[in-house]
Amino acid sequence: MVARLIDEDPEQAYAYSRIALRLASRVAAVREAAGFAAYATQKYSEALAEFRAAKRMTGSVELWPVMADCERGLGRPERALAMAGEPEVQKLDKAGQVEMRLVAAGARRDMGELDAAIVTLQSPELASSSVQPWTARLRYAYADALLAAGREDEAREWFAKTLEADKDGATDASDRLAEIDGVEFVDAAAADAEDLDDADLDDDTDEADEDDDQDPAEVAAAERAADQAEYYDEDDEEYEPADDADVDLTDELVVVEDDERGKA
């Protein structure tokens, strides 16, 4: 459950990891999952504690790079650099060593050492033309460091190389390239909505202009005429004579007969 939620809902994953810890704190996989859940929610102190516990239980060094990154998250880049020089790094597989290099370069940048960060990333893995799972991230980090150092032309080249390796769109290399080239993307839906708003505003302005062009005397006369017409219409409705069909002829006949009997 924690692994499924960690990308979609890190906070929920963290909550589940706390429950799992209460139920099975002696299981290394549970401690590791709890560490990654805490890491995803930037609770670096908790994450580091869980990763250390998992490492003690298994004896594996595969968590070494993420442990070093937790030190960065805690504002201790010098400790991350120290971990990059420990013997554990030599026991990592190729992916782990590349990850450790990324963490070390990030620590250099945290300390304001841009040139050192660039040198740290320069490696056979970076120079290789083959595409591996780590290639896009390594090239992206290198391009980003070059750009931060003001080496824009080189940065553009490496962002382009990142894009070639990033088949899954894991990075925003295309956006960074567009930014360097000065290309601005426009949201078509937002642009259409803005055009409609402008059109409505133009219509309102035209109507207001037409009202302004009319002679005030003519407007006043028209308003008086409309008021008079409305007044007479109301009188007609109030005093409208009854139709012949509405008169009761029986009443007239009764009156006539009474008059004749009186004369007789």
Protein backbone atom coordinates (compact mmCIF):
# COMPACT_ATOMS: atom_id res chain seq x y z
CA MET A 1 0.00 0.00 0.00
CA VAL A 2 2.80 2.43 0.91
CA ALA A 3 4.66 1.72 -2.33
CA ARG A 4 1.51 2.26 -4.42
CA LEU A 5 0.63 5.57 -2.77
CA ILE A 6 4.07 7.13 -2.36
CA ASP A 7 4.03 8.87 -5.77
CA GLU A 8 0.32 9.73 -5.89
CA ASP A 9 -0.34 10.66 -2.26
CA PRO A 10 2.84 10.85 -0.14
CA GLU A 11 0.99 12.01 2.98
CA GLN A 12 -1.38 9.05 2.87
CA ALA A 13 1.57 6.73 2.24
CA TYR A 14 3.29 8.18 5.29
CA ALA A 15 0.17 7.58 7.41
CA TYR A 16 0.02 3.94 6.31
CA SER A 17 3.73 3.53 7.03
CA ARG A 18 3.18 4.64 10.64
CA ILE A 19 0.53 1.94 11.04
CA ALA A 20 2.82 -0.67 9.49
CA LEU A 21 5.62 0.32 11.87
CA ARG A 22 3.39 -0.27 14.89
CA LEU A 23 2.51 -3.73 13.59
CA ALA A 24 5.88 -4.92 12.24
CA SER A 25 8.74 -2.70 13.29
CA ARG A 26 11.18 -5.63 13.23
CA VAL A 27 10.71 -6.23 9.50
CA ALA A 28 13.42 -4.58 7.39
CA ALA A 29 11.13 -4.01 4.41
CA VAL A 30 8.67 -2.15 6.64
CA ARG A 31 11.42 0.09 8.00
CA GLU A 32 12.66 0.81 4.48
CA ALA A 33 9.15 1.63 3.21
CA ALA A 34 8.60 3.89 6.21
CA GLY A 35 11.87 5.62 5.40
CA PHE A 36 10.86 6.32 1.81
CA ALA A 37 7.43 7.57 2.93
CA ALA A 38 9.07 9.98 5.36
CA TYR A 39 11.59 11.00 2.67
CA ALA A 40 8.77 11.74 0.19
CA THR A 41 7.14 14.07 2.73
CA GLN A 42 10.47 15.77 3.53
CA LYS A 43 10.65 14.35 7.05
CA TYR A 44 14.35 13.76 6.61
CA SER A 45 15.23 13.03 10.23
CA GLU A 46 12.64 10.25 10.43
CA ALA A 47 13.66 8.94 7.02
CA LEU A 48 17.31 8.76 8.00
CA ALA A 49 16.49 6.88 11.20
CA GLU A 50 14.39 4.32 9.31
CA PHE A 51 17.02 3.84 6.60
CA ARG A 52 19.71 3.27 9.23
CA ALA A 53 17.51 0.70 10.93
CA ALA A 54 16.89 -1.12 7.64
CA LYS A 55 20.62 -1.08 6.88
CA ARG A 56 21.43 -2.61 10.26
CA MET A 57 18.86 -5.36 9.72
CA THR A 58 19.96 -6.30 6.20
CA GLY A 59 23.61 -5.32 6.08
CA SER A 60 22.98 -3.88 2.60
CA VAL A 61 24.49 -0.57 1.45
CA GLU A 62 21.96 0.14 -1.30
CA LEU A 63 20.29 2.86 0.81
CA TRP A 64 23.58 4.74 1.23
CA PRO A 65 22.89 7.41 -1.45
CA VAL A 66 19.41 8.26 -0.13
CA MET A 67 20.79 8.37 3.41
CA ALA A 68 23.35 10.92 2.20
CA ASP A 69 20.57 12.90 0.53
CA CYS A 70 18.71 12.98 3.86
CA GLU A 71 21.79 14.67 5.31
CA ARG A 72 21.43 17.31 2.59
CA GLY A 73 17.77 17.71 3.45
CA LEU A 74 18.75 18.31 7.07
CA GLY A 75 21.08 21.10 5.98
CA ARG A 76 24.27 19.09 6.42
CA PRO A 77 25.83 18.91 2.92
CA GLU A 78 29.30 18.37 4.37
CA ARG A 79 28.11 15.08 5.88
CA ALA A 80 26.71 14.03 2.53
CA LEU A 81 30.11 14.71 0.95
CA ALA A 82 31.83 12.71 3.66
CA MET A 83 29.51 9.77 2.95
CA ALA A 84 30.41 10.02 -0.75
CA GLY A 85 33.99 9.16 0.19
CA GLU A 86 33.19 6.18 2.42
CA PRO A 87 34.03 2.56 1.45
CA GLU A 88 30.29 1.78 1.19
CA VAL A 89 30.20 3.62 -2.14
CA GLN A 90 32.53 1.06 -3.72
CA LYS A 91 30.06 -1.69 -2.81
CA LEU A 92 27.21 -0.02 -4.71
CA ASP A 93 26.17 -1.19 -8.15
CA LYS A 94 26.53 1.17 -11.12
CA ALA A 95 23.11 2.76 -10.58
CA GLY A 96 23.91 3.33 -6.92
CA GLN A 97 27.26 4.92 -7.72
CA VAL A 98 25.65 7.30 -10.22
CA GLU A 99 23.04 8.20 -7.60
CA MET A 100 25.81 8.87 -5.08
CA ARG A 101 27.52 11.13 -7.62
CA LEU A 102 24.27 13.09 -8.07
CA VAL A 103 23.93 13.52 -4.32
CA ALA A 104 27.55 14.66 -3.96
CA ALA A 105 27.12 17.20 -6.77
CA GLY A 106 23.97 18.48 -5.10
CA ALA A 107 25.87 18.87 -1.84
CA ARG A 108 28.54 20.89 -3.64
CA ARG A 109 25.84 23.18 -5.01
CA ASP A 110 24.30 23.51 -1.55
CA MET A 111 27.68 24.85 -0.43
CA GLY A 112 27.88 27.28 -3.35
CA GLU A 113 30.63 25.31 -5.11
CA LEU A 114 29.23 25.27 -8.66
CA ASP A 115 32.48 24.47 -10.44
CA ALA A 116 33.13 21.58 -8.06
CA ALA A 117 29.59 20.29 -8.70
CA ILE A 118 30.23 20.32 -12.44
CA VAL A 119 33.50 18.42 -12.03
CA THR A 120 31.79 15.89 -9.73
CA LEU A 121 29.27 15.04 -12.44
CA GLN A 122 31.90 14.59 -15.15
CA SER A 123 32.32 10.83 -15.41
CA PRO A 124 32.43 7.93 -17.86
CA GLU A 125 28.68 7.47 -17.30
CA LEU A 126 28.04 11.06 -18.40
CA ALA A 127 30.26 10.75 -21.47
CA SER A 128 28.77 7.42 -22.55
CA SER A 129 26.53 7.46 -25.62
CA SER A 130 24.51 4.49 -24.40
CA VAL A 131 21.23 5.24 -22.65
CA GLN A 132 20.78 3.71 -19.21
CA PRO A 133 18.01 4.24 -16.61
CA TRP A 134 20.11 6.93 -14.93
CA THR A 135 21.30 8.70 -18.10
CA ALA A 136 18.57 11.35 -18.35
CA ARG A 137 18.89 12.41 -14.71
CA LEU A 138 22.69 12.57 -14.88
CA ARG A 139 22.67 14.66 -18.05
CA TYR A 140 19.95 16.91 -16.65
CA ALA A 141 21.89 17.56 -13.44
CA TYR A 142 24.98 18.41 -15.48
CA ALA A 143 23.05 20.78 -17.77
CA ASP A 144 21.42 22.47 -14.79
CA ALA A 145 24.77 22.98 -13.07
CA LEU A 146 26.26 24.45 -16.25
CA LEU A 147 23.35 26.87 -16.56
CA ALA A 148 23.70 27.92 -12.92
CA ALA A 149 27.37 28.63 -13.62
CA GLY A 150 26.43 30.89 -16.55
CA ARG A 151 27.60 28.48 -19.26
CA GLU A 152 24.39 28.73 -21.27
CA ASP A 153 25.58 27.32 -24.61
CA GLU A 154 26.95 24.19 -22.97
CA ALA A 155 23.83 23.90 -20.83
CA ARG A 156 21.64 24.03 -23.93
CA GLU A 157 23.66 21.24 -25.53
CA TRP A 158 23.26 19.00 -22.49
CA PHE A 159 19.56 19.73 -22.08
CA ALA A 160 19.18 18.60 -25.69
CA LYS A 161 21.11 15.41 -24.88
CA THR A 162 18.88 14.92 -21.85
CA LEU A 163 15.82 15.13 -24.06
CA GLU A 164 17.23 12.42 -26.32
CA ALA A 165 17.61 10.05 -23.36
CA ASP A 166 14.39 11.00 -21.55
CA LYS A 167 11.90 8.81 -23.37
CA ASP A 168 9.46 8.75 -20.45
CA GLY A 169 9.40 12.52 -19.86
CA ALA A 170 10.82 12.20 -16.36
CA THR A 171 12.52 15.61 -16.63
CA ASP A 172 11.41 19.01 -17.89
CA ALA A 173 14.34 19.24 -20.31
CA SER A 174 12.08 20.38 -23.16
CA ASP A 175 10.81 23.30 -21.08
CA ARG A 176 14.34 24.25 -20.08
CA LEU A 177 15.42 24.22 -23.73
CA ALA A 178 12.48 26.42 -24.69
CA GLU A 179 13.33 28.81 -21.87
CA ILE A 180 16.93 29.14 -23.07
CA ASP A 181 15.75 29.68 -26.66
CA GLY A 182 13.21 32.29 -25.57
CA VAL A 183 10.22 30.27 -26.75
CA GLU A 184 7.00 31.02 -24.88
CA PHE A 185 4.20 28.48 -24.83
CA VAL A 186 0.63 29.83 -24.85
CA ASP A 187 -2.31 27.95 -23.42
CA ALA A 188 -4.79 27.81 -26.33
CA ALA A 189 -7.84 27.55 -24.06
CA ALA A 190 -6.73 30.53 -22.00
CA ALA A 191 -6.04 32.53 -25.16
CA ASP A 192 -9.55 31.80 -26.53
CA ALA A 193 -11.12 32.86 -23.22
CA GLU A 194 -9.13 36.08 -23.28
CA ASP A 195 -10.26 36.79 -26.86
CA LEU A 196 -13.90 36.31 -25.83
CA ASP A 197 -13.46 38.69 -22.90
CA ASP A 198 -11.92 41.28 -25.22
CA ALA A 199 -14.81 40.90 -27.68
CA ASP A 200 -17.40 41.40 -24.91
CA LEU A 201 -15.51 44.46 -23.72
CA ASP A 202 -15.49 45.89 -27.26
CA ASP A 203 -19.28 45.35 -27.56
CA ASP A 204 -19.89 47.13 -24.27
CA THR A 205 -17.65 49.98 -25.37
CA ASP A 206 -19.51 50.32 -28.70
CA GLU A 207 -22.87 50.46 -26.92
CA ALA A 208 -21.57 53.08 -24.53
CA ASP A 209 -20.23 55.11 -27.46
CA GLU A 210 -23.64 54.97 -29.17
CA ASP A 211 -25.30 56.25 -26.01
CA ASP A 212 -22.78 59.07 -25.77
CA ASP A 213 -23.43 60.10 -29.41
CA GLN A 214 -27.19 60.69 -28.84
CA ASP A 215 -28.50 64.25 -28.27
CA PRO A 216 -29.43 64.66 -24.55
CA ALA A 217 -32.59 66.58 -25.51
CA GLU A 218 -33.71 63.79 -27.83
CA VAL A 219 -33.05 61.22 -25.12
CA ALA A 220 -35.11 63.22 -22.57
CA ALA A 221 -38.00 63.66 -25.04
CA ALA A 222 -38.01 59.96 -25.85
CA GLU A 223 -38.10 59.09 -22.16
CA ARG A 224 -41.06 61.47 -21.55
CA ALA A 225 -42.97 60.00 -24.48
CA ALA A 226 -42.36 56.49 -23.17
CA ASP A 227 -43.61 57.50 -19.70
CA GLN A 228 -46.80 59.07 -21.15
CA ALA A 229 -47.51 56.04 -23.28
CA GLU A 230 -47.09 53.79 -20.27
CA TYR A 231 -49.45 56.06 -18.21
CA TYR A 232 -52.25 55.91 -20.77
CA ASP A 233 -51.84 52.21 -21.20
CA GLU A 234 -52.36 51.79 -17.45
CA ASP A 235 -55.55 53.99 -17.55
CA ASP A 236 -56.93 52.00 -20.44
CA GLU A 237 -56.43 48.80 -18.51
CA GLU A 238 -58.11 50.28 -15.37
CA TYR A 239 -61.17 51.88 -17.04
CA GLU A 240 -61.66 49.65 -20.03
CA PRO A 241 -65.43 49.60 -20.87
CA ALA A 242 -67.21 46.33 -20.58
CA ASP A 243 -68.00 44.49 -23.75
CA ASP A 244 -71.59 44.03 -24.81
CA ALA A 245 -71.20 40.38 -24.07
CA ASP A 246 -70.56 41.20 -20.43
CA VAL A 247 -73.90 43.13 -19.93
CA ASP A 248 -76.75 41.19 -18.21
CA LEU A 249 -79.83 41.78 -20.43
CA THR A 250 -82.10 40.32 -17.78
CA ASP A 251 -81.55 43.36 -15.56
CA GLU A 252 -82.74 45.73 -18.34
CA LEU A 253 -85.88 43.69 -18.99
CA VAL A 254 -86.82 43.73 -15.34
CA VAL A 255 -86.50 47.50 -15.15
CA VAL A 256 -88.72 48.03 -18.25
CA GLU A 257 -91.48 45.76 -16.96
CA ASP A 258 -91.53 47.56 -13.61
CA ASP A 259 -91.91 50.93 -15.35
CA GLU A 260 -94.85 49.72 -17.47
CA ARG A 261 -96.69 48.34 -14.44
CA GLY A 262 -96.28 51.66 -12.68
CA LYS A 263 -97.85 53.58 -15.56
CA ALA A 264 -100.78 51.23 -15.70
